Amino acid sequence: MGRTIEDKKAIVSELKKTLSESQLALVIDYQGLTVAEITDLRRRLRPTGTVCKVTKNTLMGIAIREDPKWQPMSELLKGSSAFLLVKEDFSSAIKAYEEFQKATKKTELRGGVMEGRLLFEPEIKALGDLPSKEQLMGQIAGAINALATKIAVGIKEVPSSLARALQAYADKNKAE
């Protein structure tokens, strides 16, 4: 027995909501994956804030129809599709998918969409090579610490250089 219209509307509504919270959508061909393997993929993606949706292309097509940010995905809707909807840490999500792909060798990355642009494997791999959110935060924290140290040293120097300037002024006045 097929899904009712209400079921389909609920699925489309949920897809729209998840897409509205996502930065990147990846479309993979998951033909041949077992339920256990899809569960494993979801488990690997969970820490990255990524949702793996296995749904009919027609339902995803309806969900993206009126949203220019996701419309290019319509070109990827064919065959057995699973959608990896990445909320924030796309670098870690792509790495998690690539590790899963190496382990199973059963899926194929069809492409993705980010900011209204259709992406293919080379661009997606490049996104995966970017530093993760945690790495970026670490780099920023390091830069802030280095700057704070320079400022602290500079501030510490001000009283002694001010004292030297005052002493020089006083010495000059005494000499006159």
Protein backbone atom coordinates (compact mmCIF):
# COMPACT_ATOMS: atom_id res chain seq x y z
CA MET A 1 0.00 0.00 0.00
CA GLY A 2 1.35 3.45 -0.95
CA ARG A 3 1.67 6.52 1.21
CA THR A 4 -1.33 8.77 1.66
CA ILE A 5 -1.34 12.35 0.44
CA GLU A 6 -1.07 13.47 4.09
CA ASP A 7 2.04 11.29 4.56
CA LYS A 8 3.62 12.78 1.45
CA LYS A 9 2.79 16.34 2.56
CA ALA A 10 4.36 15.63 5.97
CA ILE A 11 7.54 14.27 4.32
CA VAL A 12 7.81 17.30 2.00
CA SER A 13 7.23 19.66 4.94
CA GLU A 14 9.97 17.93 6.96
CA LEU A 15 12.37 18.05 3.98
CA LYS A 16 11.72 21.80 3.54
CA LYS A 17 12.36 22.40 7.25
CA THR A 18 15.64 20.42 7.22
CA LEU A 19 16.76 22.15 4.00
CA SER A 20 16.04 25.58 5.54
CA GLU A 21 18.52 24.70 8.32
CA SER A 22 21.16 23.32 5.93
CA GLN A 23 24.17 24.89 4.20
CA LEU A 24 24.99 22.02 1.86
CA ALA A 25 23.07 19.12 0.35
CA LEU A 26 24.85 16.10 -1.10
CA VAL A 27 23.07 13.57 -3.29
CA ILE A 28 24.37 10.03 -3.32
CA ASP A 29 23.28 6.94 -5.19
CA TYR A 30 22.84 4.41 -2.41
CA GLN A 31 21.79 1.41 -4.53
CA GLY A 32 23.02 -1.81 -2.94
CA LEU A 33 23.38 -0.48 0.61
CA THR A 34 21.89 -2.60 3.36
CA VAL A 35 19.79 -1.11 6.17
CA ALA A 36 22.77 -1.73 8.50
CA GLU A 37 25.08 0.24 6.15
CA ILE A 38 22.65 3.17 5.94
CA THR A 39 22.44 3.10 9.75
CA ASP A 40 26.26 3.13 9.87
CA LEU A 41 26.36 6.12 7.47
CA ARG A 42 23.85 8.00 9.65
CA ARG A 43 25.91 7.18 12.77
CA ARG A 44 29.11 8.52 11.13
CA LEU A 45 27.34 11.72 10.01
CA ARG A 46 25.52 12.46 13.30
CA PRO A 47 28.50 14.20 15.05
CA THR A 48 28.81 16.56 12.07
CA GLY A 49 25.20 17.77 12.37
CA THR A 50 24.22 16.09 9.11
CA VAL A 51 20.88 14.41 8.42
CA CYS A 52 20.75 11.49 5.97
CA LYS A 53 17.34 11.30 4.26
CA VAL A 54 16.34 8.39 2.03
CA THR A 55 13.30 9.60 0.16
CA LYS A 56 11.72 9.52 -3.28
CA ASN A 57 13.16 11.94 -5.84
CA THR A 58 9.63 13.22 -6.58
CA LEU A 59 9.14 14.27 -2.94
CA MET A 60 12.53 16.02 -2.81
CA GLY A 61 11.66 17.64 -6.16
CA ILE A 62 8.48 19.09 -4.63
CA ALA A 63 10.43 20.26 -1.53
CA ILE A 64 12.99 22.21 -3.60
CA ARG A 65 10.68 23.45 -6.37
CA GLU A 66 10.12 26.96 -5.01
CA ASP A 67 13.51 27.51 -3.36
CA PRO A 68 16.20 28.99 -5.66
CA LYS A 69 18.87 28.01 -3.11
CA TRP A 70 18.12 24.29 -3.69
CA GLN A 71 16.58 24.19 -7.22
CA PRO A 72 19.83 23.11 -8.94
CA MET A 73 19.50 19.79 -7.05
CA SER A 74 16.72 18.80 -9.47
CA GLU A 75 19.46 17.84 -11.96
CA LEU A 76 20.70 15.18 -9.51
CA LEU A 77 17.31 13.55 -8.84
CA LYS A 78 17.49 10.18 -10.55
CA GLY A 79 17.82 6.55 -9.45
CA SER A 80 18.11 5.56 -5.78
CA SER A 81 18.83 8.81 -3.96
CA ALA A 82 19.93 9.48 -0.42
CA PHE A 83 20.31 13.10 0.64
CA LEU A 84 22.97 14.24 3.10
CA LEU A 85 21.70 17.55 4.46
CA VAL A 86 24.58 19.32 6.19
CA LYS A 87 23.65 21.95 8.78
CA GLU A 88 27.05 23.37 9.67
CA ASP A 89 30.32 21.44 9.57
CA PHE A 90 30.41 20.52 5.87
CA SER A 91 34.12 19.72 5.92
CA SER A 92 33.68 17.03 8.61
CA ALA A 93 30.49 15.75 6.94
CA ILE A 94 32.26 15.28 3.59
CA LYS A 95 35.18 13.52 5.33
CA ALA A 96 32.74 11.24 7.21
CA TYR A 97 30.99 10.33 3.92
CA GLU A 98 34.33 9.72 2.16
CA GLU A 99 35.42 7.35 4.97
CA PHE A 100 32.08 5.51 4.70
CA GLN A 101 32.49 5.28 0.91
CA LYS A 102 36.01 3.83 1.30
CA ALA A 103 34.66 1.20 3.71
CA THR A 104 31.63 0.10 1.63
CA LYS A 105 32.57 1.07 -1.96
CA LYS A 106 28.84 0.85 -2.74
CA THR A 107 27.69 4.46 -3.03
CA GLU A 108 28.33 7.08 -5.66
CA LEU A 109 28.41 10.81 -5.00
CA ARG A 110 26.24 12.38 -7.70
CA GLY A 111 26.84 15.94 -6.64
CA GLY A 112 25.64 18.60 -4.29
CA VAL A 113 24.20 22.06 -3.93
CA MET A 114 25.47 24.97 -1.86
CA GLU A 115 24.26 28.58 -2.02
CA GLY A 116 22.26 27.87 -5.17
CA ARG A 117 25.24 26.35 -7.01
CA LEU A 118 25.45 22.83 -8.38
CA LEU A 119 28.65 21.14 -7.19
CA PHE A 120 30.35 18.04 -8.51
CA GLU A 121 32.92 15.71 -6.98
CA PRO A 122 36.06 17.90 -7.44
CA GLU A 123 34.40 20.91 -5.75
CA ILE A 124 32.94 18.75 -2.99
CA LYS A 125 36.36 17.17 -2.34
CA ALA A 126 37.85 20.69 -2.13
CA LEU A 127 35.19 21.65 0.45
CA GLY A 128 36.09 18.51 2.39
CA ASP A 129 39.74 19.62 2.47
CA LEU A 130 38.89 22.89 4.20
CA PRO A 131 39.60 23.06 7.95
CA SER A 132 36.74 21.88 10.18
CA LYS A 133 34.85 24.32 12.38
CA GLU A 134 36.90 23.15 15.40
CA GLN A 135 40.20 23.63 13.53
CA LEU A 136 39.15 27.13 12.44
CA MET A 137 38.12 28.02 16.00
CA GLY A 138 41.54 26.80 17.20
CA GLN A 139 43.33 28.90 14.58
CA ILE A 140 41.28 31.99 15.49
CA ALA A 141 41.88 31.41 19.22
CA GLY A 142 45.62 31.08 18.55
CA ALA A 143 45.65 34.32 16.56
CA ILE A 144 43.70 36.14 19.30
CA ASN A 145 46.09 34.83 21.98
CA ALA A 146 49.13 35.98 19.98
CA LEU A 147 47.56 39.42 19.49
CA ALA A 148 46.61 39.65 23.19
CA THR A 149 50.21 38.81 24.16
CA LYS A 150 51.55 41.54 21.83
CA ILE A 151 49.11 44.07 23.28
CA ALA A 152 49.98 43.08 26.86
CA VAL A 153 53.71 43.44 26.14
CA GLY A 154 53.05 46.79 24.44
CA ILE A 155 50.98 48.07 27.36
CA LYS A 156 53.66 46.93 29.81
CA GLU A 157 56.23 48.92 27.82
CA VAL A 158 54.19 52.15 27.93
CA PRO A 159 54.88 53.07 31.61
CA SER A 160 58.63 52.47 31.30
CA SER A 161 58.93 54.42 28.04
CA LEU A 162 56.73 57.16 29.53
CA ALA A 163 58.94 57.21 32.64
CA ARG A 164 62.06 57.48 30.42
CA ALA A 165 60.50 60.35 28.46
CA LEU A 166 59.57 62.19 31.68
CA GLN A 167 63.04 61.61 33.10
CA ALA A 168 64.63 62.94 29.92
CA TYR A 169 62.38 66.02 30.09
CA ALA A 170 63.24 66.53 33.75
CA ASP A 171 66.96 66.10 33.03
CA LYS A 172 66.70 68.59 30.16
CA ASN A 173 64.98 71.15 32.40
CA LYS A 174 67.64 70.68 35.15
CA ALA A 175 70.39 71.26 32.60
CA GLU A 176 68.85 74.54 31.45
